[in-house]
C-alpha atoms as a PDB file:
ATOM      1  CA  MET A   1       2.222 -23.875  64.582  1.00  0.00           C
ATOM      2  CA  LEU A   2       5.100 -23.903  62.120  1.00  0.00           C
ATOM      3  CA  GLU A   3       8.629 -22.730  62.772  1.00  0.00           C
ATOM      4  CA  ILE A   4      11.030 -22.079  59.907  1.00  0.00           C
ATOM      5  CA  LYS A   5      14.717 -21.346  60.385  1.00  0.00           C
ATOM      6  CA  LYS A   6      16.572 -20.226  57.280  1.00  0.00           C
ATOM      7  CA  GLU A   7      20.320 -20.746  56.888  1.00  0.00           C
ATOM      8  CA  ILE A   8      22.260 -19.566  53.854  1.00  0.00           C
ATOM      9  CA  GLU A   9      25.654 -20.994  52.986  1.00  0.00           C
ATOM     10  CA  GLY A  10      26.863 -19.837  49.577  1.00  0.00           C
ATOM     11  CA  ALA A  11      24.253 -20.848  46.997  1.00  0.00           C
ATOM     12  CA  THR A  12      22.616 -23.366  49.377  1.00  0.00           C
ATOM     13  CA  VAL A  13      19.595 -22.490  51.492  1.00  0.00           C
ATOM     14  CA  THR A  14      18.502 -24.783  54.313  1.00  0.00           C
ATOM     15  CA  LEU A  15      15.017 -24.386  55.723  1.00  0.00           C
ATOM     16  CA  SER A  16      14.709 -26.185  59.059  1.00  0.00           C
ATOM     17  CA  LEU A  17      11.051 -26.937  59.681  1.00  0.00           C
ATOM     18  CA  GLY A  18       9.480 -27.536  63.063  1.00  0.00           C
ATOM     19  CA  GLY A  19       5.936 -28.153  64.201  1.00  0.00           C
ATOM     20  CA  ARG A  20       3.080 -28.653  61.747  1.00  0.00           C
ATOM     21  CA  VAL A  21       2.439 -27.652  58.144  1.00  0.00           C
ATOM     22  CA  ASP A  22      -1.322 -27.515  57.823  1.00  0.00           C
ATOM     23  CA  VAL A  23      -3.923 -25.276  56.228  1.00  0.00           C
ATOM     24  CA  SER A  24      -3.279 -22.485  58.726  1.00  0.00           C
ATOM     25  CA  SER A  25       0.524 -22.496  58.358  1.00  0.00           C
ATOM     26  CA  SER A  26       1.140 -23.642  54.780  1.00  0.00           C
ATOM     27  CA  ALA A  27       1.197 -20.039  53.484  1.00  0.00           C
ATOM     28  CA  MET A  28       4.188 -19.375  55.724  1.00  0.00           C
ATOM     29  CA  LEU A  29       6.171 -22.216  54.123  1.00  0.00           C
ATOM     30  CA  ASP A  30       4.998 -21.180  50.668  1.00  0.00           C
ATOM     31  CA  GLU A  31       6.275 -17.645  51.251  1.00  0.00           C
ATOM     32  CA  ALA A  32       9.643 -18.970  52.464  1.00  0.00           C
ATOM     33  CA  LEU A  33      10.040 -21.101  49.322  1.00  0.00           C
ATOM     34  CA  GLN A  34       8.705 -18.600  46.804  1.00  0.00           C
ATOM     35  CA  SER A  35      10.844 -15.774  48.190  1.00  0.00           C
ATOM     36  CA  LEU A  36      14.099 -17.625  47.482  1.00  0.00           C
ATOM     37  CA  SER A  37      16.187 -15.786  44.921  1.00  0.00           C
ATOM     38  CA  ALA A  38      16.976 -17.118  41.457  1.00  0.00           C
ATOM     39  CA  ASP A  39      20.665 -17.542  42.303  1.00  0.00           C
ATOM     40  CA  VAL A  40      19.942 -20.323  44.820  1.00  0.00           C
ATOM     41  CA  GLU A  41      21.420 -23.589  43.530  1.00  0.00           C
ATOM     42  CA  THR A  42      20.312 -25.976  46.289  1.00  0.00           C
ATOM     43  CA  VAL A  43      17.371 -25.956  48.672  1.00  0.00           C
ATOM     44  CA  VAL A  44      17.464 -28.339  51.623  1.00  0.00           C
ATOM     45  CA  LEU A  45      14.366 -28.904  53.707  1.00  0.00           C
ATOM     46  CA  ASP A  46      15.372 -30.241  57.106  1.00  0.00           C
ATOM     47  CA  ALA A  47      12.286 -31.988  58.470  1.00  0.00           C
ATOM     48  CA  ALA A  48      13.811 -33.345  61.677  1.00  0.00           C
ATOM     49  CA  ASN A  49      11.354 -31.416  63.845  1.00  0.00           C
ATOM     50  CA  LEU A  50       8.364 -31.517  61.503  1.00  0.00           C
ATOM     51  CA  GLU A  51       5.580 -33.385  63.289  1.00  0.00           C
ATOM     52  CA  TYR A  52       2.856 -33.306  60.630  1.00  0.00           C
ATOM     53  CA  ILE A  53       2.161 -32.248  57.057  1.00  0.00           C
ATOM     54  CA  SER A  54      -1.334 -31.922  55.587  1.00  0.00           C
ATOM     55  CA  SER A  55      -2.447 -31.928  51.959  1.00  0.00           C
ATOM     56  CA  ALA A  56      -2.096 -28.130  52.007  1.00  0.00           C
ATOM     57  CA  GLY A  57       1.536 -28.567  53.021  1.00  0.00           C
ATOM     58  CA  LEU A  58       2.086 -31.173  50.313  1.00  0.00           C
ATOM     59  CA  ARG A  59       0.771 -28.694  47.713  1.00  0.00           C
ATOM     60  CA  VAL A  60       3.301 -26.140  48.953  1.00  0.00           C
ATOM     61  CA  LEU A  61       6.111 -28.683  48.569  1.00  0.00           C
ATOM     62  CA  LEU A  62       4.949 -29.367  45.007  1.00  0.00           C
ATOM     63  CA  ARG A  63       4.860 -25.653  44.204  1.00  0.00           C
ATOM     64  CA  GLY A  64       8.367 -25.292  45.655  1.00  0.00           C
ATOM     65  CA  ALA A  65       9.615 -28.190  43.529  1.00  0.00           C
ATOM     66  CA  LYS A  66       8.240 -26.566  40.380  1.00  0.00           C
ATOM     67  CA  LYS A  67       9.970 -23.287  41.193  1.00  0.00           C
ATOM     68  CA  MET A  68      13.306 -24.950  41.947  1.00  0.00           C
ATOM     69  CA  ARG A  69      13.183 -27.097  38.810  1.00  0.00           C
ATOM     70  CA  ALA A  70      12.401 -24.022  36.688  1.00  0.00           C
ATOM     71  CA  GLN A  71      15.537 -22.309  37.948  1.00  0.00           C
ATOM     72  CA  GLY A  72      17.668 -25.465  37.755  1.00  0.00           C
ATOM     73  CA  ALA A  73      18.170 -25.791  41.500  1.00  0.00           C
ATOM     74  CA  LEU A  74      18.399 -29.000  43.512  1.00  0.00           C
ATOM     75  CA  TYR A  75      15.481 -29.562  45.895  1.00  0.00           C
ATOM     76  CA  THR A  76      16.152 -31.999  48.732  1.00  0.00           C
ATOM     77  CA  ILE A  77      14.614 -33.128  51.991  1.00  0.00           C
ATOM     78  CA  ARG A  78      16.398 -34.761  54.906  1.00  0.00           C
ATOM     79  CA  ASN A  79      15.802 -36.010  58.437  1.00  0.00           C
ATOM     80  CA  MET A  80      12.143 -36.853  57.873  1.00  0.00           C
ATOM     81  CA  THR A  81      10.079 -38.095  60.756  1.00  0.00           C
ATOM     82  CA  PRO A  82       8.173 -41.335  60.029  1.00  0.00           C
ATOM     83  CA  VAL A  83       4.876 -39.403  59.763  1.00  0.00           C
ATOM     84  CA  VAL A  84       6.267 -37.019  57.141  1.00  0.00           C
ATOM     85  CA  GLN A  85       8.045 -39.773  55.227  1.00  0.00           C
ATOM     86  CA  ASP A  86       4.860 -41.870  55.136  1.00  0.00           C
ATOM     87  CA  ALA A  87       2.834 -38.914  53.825  1.00  0.00           C
ATOM     88  CA  LEU A  88       5.353 -38.262  51.053  1.00  0.00           C
ATOM     89  CA  GLU A  89       5.667 -41.931  50.112  1.00  0.00           C
ATOM     90  CA  MET A  90       1.912 -42.612  50.102  1.00  0.00           C
ATOM     91  CA  THR A  91       1.284 -39.651  47.811  1.00  0.00           C
ATOM     92  CA  GLY A  92       4.196 -40.424  45.495  1.00  0.00           C
ATOM     93  CA  MET A  93       5.760 -37.082  46.324  1.00  0.00           C
ATOM     94  CA  MET A  94       9.200 -38.447  47.226  1.00  0.00           C
ATOM     95  CA  ALA A  95       9.905 -38.149  43.493  1.00  0.00           C
ATOM     96  CA  LEU A  96       9.822 -34.340  43.873  1.00  0.00           C
ATOM     97  CA  PHE A  97      13.101 -34.384  45.723  1.00  0.00           C
ATOM     98  CA  ASP A  98      16.624 -34.793  44.401  1.00  0.00           C
ATOM     99  CA  GLU A  99      19.060 -37.155  46.104  1.00  0.00           C
ATOM    100  CA  GLU A 100      21.715 -35.428  48.192  1.00  0.00           C
END
């Protein structure tokens, strides 16, 4: 089960993720990312409560990165659990994210 809390502060959107991003919940994260408006300048994914991310979830993060880059927005991730950080590092996907 995936929980997403969305906070908007000016042109910055923070998506706080909790639970698991897997094949059954990845569409929920994809919808949250793809529905962000073009005037968003920074997207922050707060992964403090994210327990697991599957390859389906990694694809969603890649799709989100492509959208944010196309509109010139920063795309960051913070507070990763070791499991999530390992998955992103092993797949080379840390490069998708901008430094804060």
